[in-house]
Amino acid sequence: MITDYASLKAAIADFTHRADLTSYLDDFIKLAEERLASDLRIRELETSESGTLSGITLALPSDFAQFRRLTIKTTTHFTPEMIGADGLKTKYQTAAGLPMFFALVGSNIEFNRSVDAAYDYTLDYWKKPVAITSGNTTSSVLTAYPGIYLYACLVEAAWFTKNDQDITRYSAKYSELVNFANLRGRPQAGPMRVVNG
């Protein structure tokens, strides 16, 4: 049973049937976590950050993986439109005001204009999984989805050993588990009711 860092490393060794990979297991885990940050969109990785806007940019959180929603609080709640960085260039305004457009540029959110007031904001996003190490032996993702962690690590091990057959089969299993987890993490509609007349 995979429950923590040590049992994950033991499972990787068991599944690969290779005793000579021990010194690389931490690398496989780190590379697997990069893969999980790109692919997993589950409740355990949903989070938000609030603050006050100033200037024309907003730094993305250090654990940012993917954007969900940005809300600016004015007299109501306003959601500016996300567009590409090239499109943003056509929307720039020199006068300060309420930003209507933004783009993700590098490690920042860049707006089409500087704000004219201290607007509160909420940024909803998916975060990267918390890295597991010998000092931080478990995480909510490992607890909820040990199979995803294992197969992500096995894909990395297969790439390292240049085993095309294992790359194919481990990648297929990894994708299956990720798709299931992502579907499970999406909100489901309630039961349908039929109303007469």
Protein backbone atom coordinates (compact mmCIF):
# COMPACT_ATOMS: atom_id res chain seq x y z
CA MET A 1 0.00 0.00 0.00
CA ILE A 2 1.38 3.41 -1.01
CA THR A 3 0.85 5.91 1.79
CA ASP A 4 4.00 8.05 1.89
CA TYR A 5 7.39 8.86 0.39
CA ALA A 6 9.08 5.64 1.54
CA SER A 7 6.29 3.34 0.36
CA LEU A 8 6.13 5.15 -3.00
CA LYS A 9 9.85 4.61 -3.53
CA ALA A 10 9.48 0.95 -2.55
CA ALA A 11 6.61 0.52 -5.03
CA ILE A 12 8.62 2.09 -7.87
CA ALA A 13 11.45 -0.35 -7.17
CA ASP A 14 9.01 -3.28 -7.00
CA PHE A 15 7.24 -2.42 -10.26
CA THR A 16 10.43 -1.78 -12.23
CA HIS A 17 12.16 -4.90 -10.88
CA ARG A 18 15.34 -2.86 -10.88
CA ALA A 19 17.62 -2.53 -7.85
CA ASP A 20 20.01 -0.26 -9.74
CA LEU A 21 17.60 2.71 -9.93
CA THR A 22 17.61 3.55 -6.21
CA SER A 23 19.70 6.70 -6.56
CA TYR A 24 17.33 8.04 -9.25
CA LEU A 25 14.02 7.53 -7.45
CA ASP A 26 13.89 11.11 -6.10
CA ASP A 27 14.41 12.40 -9.65
CA PHE A 28 11.54 10.22 -10.91
CA ILE A 29 9.28 11.59 -8.16
CA LYS A 30 10.20 15.20 -8.92
CA LEU A 31 9.64 14.72 -12.67
CA ALA A 32 6.35 12.94 -11.93
CA GLU A 33 5.21 15.92 -9.84
CA GLU A 34 5.92 18.23 -12.79
CA ARG A 35 3.75 15.94 -14.90
CA LEU A 36 0.99 16.00 -12.27
CA ALA A 37 1.10 19.82 -12.15
CA SER A 38 0.40 19.89 -15.89
CA ASP A 39 -2.26 17.19 -15.99
CA LEU A 40 -4.22 16.98 -12.71
CA ARG A 41 -7.25 19.24 -12.25
CA ILE A 42 -8.78 17.89 -9.06
CA ARG A 43 -10.46 19.36 -5.98
CA GLU A 44 -7.36 18.77 -3.87
CA LEU A 45 -5.45 21.23 -6.08
CA GLU A 46 -8.09 23.97 -6.28
CA THR A 47 -7.22 27.08 -4.32
CA SER A 48 -7.57 30.85 -4.33
CA GLU A 49 -5.60 33.92 -3.36
CA SER A 50 -6.98 37.32 -2.43
CA GLY A 51 -5.36 40.70 -2.25
CA THR A 52 -5.39 44.25 -3.55
CA LEU A 53 -4.45 45.25 -7.10
CA SER A 54 -1.87 47.96 -7.74
CA GLY A 55 -0.17 48.89 -10.97
CA ILE A 56 -0.55 47.02 -14.25
CA THR A 57 0.65 43.55 -13.23
CA LEU A 58 -0.13 40.96 -10.59
CA ALA A 59 2.45 38.30 -9.72
CA LEU A 60 1.18 34.74 -10.00
CA PRO A 61 1.45 32.63 -6.83
CA SER A 62 4.58 30.47 -6.62
CA ASP A 63 2.46 27.29 -6.61
CA PHE A 64 0.40 28.36 -9.67
CA ALA A 65 -0.30 25.58 -12.21
CA GLN A 66 -3.33 26.76 -14.22
CA PHE A 67 -5.71 29.69 -14.24
CA ARG A 68 -9.39 29.27 -13.34
CA ARG A 69 -10.91 32.70 -12.70
CA LEU A 70 -10.07 36.26 -11.68
CA THR A 71 -12.65 38.39 -9.92
CA ILE A 72 -12.22 42.08 -9.14
CA LYS A 73 -14.43 43.56 -6.44
CA THR A 74 -15.92 46.91 -7.34
CA THR A 75 -19.45 47.86 -6.27
CA THR A 76 -20.22 44.37 -7.58
CA HIS A 77 -17.95 41.51 -8.62
CA PHE A 78 -16.38 42.02 -12.03
CA THR A 79 -14.56 39.42 -14.11
CA PRO A 80 -12.17 40.90 -16.70
CA GLU A 81 -11.71 39.01 -19.96
CA MET A 82 -8.62 36.85 -20.42
CA ILE A 83 -7.03 37.20 -23.85
CA GLY A 84 -3.68 36.25 -25.35
CA ALA A 85 -0.56 38.35 -24.80
CA ASP A 86 -0.59 39.53 -28.43
CA GLY A 87 -4.24 40.54 -28.19
CA LEU A 88 -3.55 42.44 -24.99
CA LYS A 89 -1.18 44.74 -26.86
CA THR A 90 -4.11 46.05 -28.90
CA LYS A 91 -6.14 46.74 -25.74
CA TYR A 92 -3.61 48.83 -23.78
CA GLN A 93 -4.89 52.13 -22.40
CA THR A 94 -2.69 54.85 -20.95
CA ALA A 95 -5.36 56.22 -18.60
CA ALA A 96 -5.72 54.38 -15.30
CA GLY A 97 -9.04 52.70 -14.66
CA LEU A 98 -10.72 49.36 -14.09
CA PRO A 99 -8.92 46.74 -16.19
CA MET A 100 -11.20 45.07 -18.72
CA PHE A 101 -8.67 42.63 -20.20
CA PHE A 102 -5.66 40.65 -19.01
CA ALA A 103 -3.20 38.02 -20.18
CA LEU A 104 -0.87 35.56 -18.49
CA VAL A 105 2.63 36.78 -19.34
CA GLY A 106 5.51 34.84 -17.83
CA SER A 107 4.96 34.66 -14.08
CA ASN A 108 2.50 37.58 -14.03
CA ILE A 109 -1.02 38.57 -14.88
CA GLU A 110 -0.72 41.68 -17.03
CA PHE A 111 -3.67 44.05 -17.40
CA ASN A 112 -4.57 46.37 -20.26
CA ARG A 113 -4.28 49.40 -17.95
CA SER A 114 -3.12 50.41 -14.50
CA VAL A 115 -5.79 50.45 -11.84
CA ASP A 116 -7.18 53.78 -10.67
CA ALA A 117 -8.07 52.53 -7.20
CA ALA A 118 -7.10 49.82 -4.72
CA TYR A 119 -9.41 47.08 -6.00
CA ASP A 120 -9.65 43.85 -4.05
CA TYR A 121 -9.32 40.70 -6.15
CA THR A 122 -9.69 36.95 -5.85
CA LEU A 123 -7.65 34.66 -8.08
CA ASP A 124 -8.95 31.10 -8.34
CA TYR A 125 -6.45 28.62 -9.75
CA TRP A 126 -5.13 25.07 -9.70
CA LYS A 127 -1.93 24.77 -7.72
CA LYS A 128 1.01 22.43 -8.18
CA PRO A 129 1.02 19.36 -5.95
CA VAL A 130 3.02 19.78 -2.76
CA ALA A 131 6.34 18.01 -3.34
CA ILE A 132 6.91 14.89 -1.28
CA THR A 133 10.40 14.30 0.08
CA SER A 134 12.11 12.60 2.99
CA GLY A 135 11.24 15.70 5.03
CA ASN A 136 7.65 16.06 3.77
CA THR A 137 6.57 12.47 3.38
CA THR A 138 2.99 12.77 2.16
CA SER A 139 0.46 15.07 0.52
CA SER A 140 -3.27 15.23 -0.13
CA VAL A 141 -2.70 14.15 -3.75
CA LEU A 142 -0.61 11.11 -2.78
CA THR A 143 -3.20 10.13 -0.17
CA ALA A 144 -6.14 10.46 -2.58
CA TYR A 145 -4.44 9.16 -5.74
CA PRO A 146 -1.47 6.89 -4.96
CA GLY A 147 -1.87 5.09 -8.30
CA ILE A 148 -1.49 8.29 -10.27
CA TYR A 149 1.71 9.10 -8.39
CA LEU A 150 3.08 5.60 -8.94
CA TYR A 151 2.36 5.46 -12.67
CA ALA A 152 3.70 8.97 -13.24
CA CYS A 153 6.94 7.82 -11.58
CA LEU A 154 6.99 4.61 -13.63
CA VAL A 155 6.64 6.60 -16.86
CA GLU A 156 9.70 8.63 -15.85
CA ALA A 157 11.61 5.47 -14.95
CA ALA A 158 10.71 3.91 -18.31
CA TRP A 159 11.99 6.99 -20.15
CA PHE A 160 15.20 6.83 -18.14
CA THR A 161 15.76 3.15 -18.93
CA LYS A 162 14.72 3.69 -22.58
CA ASN A 163 12.11 0.94 -22.38
CA ASP A 164 9.58 1.80 -25.11
CA GLN A 165 7.18 -0.99 -24.14
CA ASP A 166 7.02 0.22 -20.53
CA ILE A 167 6.67 3.84 -21.65
CA THR A 168 3.58 2.86 -23.66
CA ARG A 169 1.88 0.74 -21.04
CA TYR A 170 2.66 2.97 -18.06
CA SER A 171 1.64 6.09 -19.98
CA ALA A 172 -1.70 4.48 -20.89
CA LYS A 173 -2.42 3.55 -17.28
CA TYR A 174 -1.33 6.99 -16.05
CA SER A 175 -3.63 8.72 -18.57
CA GLU A 176 -6.54 6.49 -17.59
CA LEU A 177 -6.14 7.29 -13.90
CA VAL A 178 -5.70 11.04 -14.53
CA ASN A 179 -8.79 11.19 -16.76
CA PHE A 180 -10.84 9.42 -14.11
CA ALA A 181 -9.57 11.72 -11.34
CA ASN A 182 -10.22 14.86 -13.40
CA LEU A 183 -13.75 13.72 -14.25
CA ARG A 184 -14.40 12.93 -10.61
CA GLY A 185 -13.15 16.38 -9.65
CA ARG A 186 -15.64 18.23 -11.86
CA PRO A 187 -18.90 19.40 -10.30
CA GLN A 188 -21.79 17.18 -11.24
CA ALA A 189 -25.29 18.42 -12.01
CA GLY A 190 -28.03 17.44 -9.59
CA PRO A 191 -30.78 15.00 -10.44
CA MET A 192 -33.19 16.04 -13.18
CA ARG A 193 -36.77 16.72 -12.12
CA VAL A 194 -39.76 16.48 -14.39
CA VAL A 195 -42.41 19.09 -13.61
CA ASN A 196 -45.92 18.53 -14.91
CA GLY A 197 -47.85 21.21 -16.70
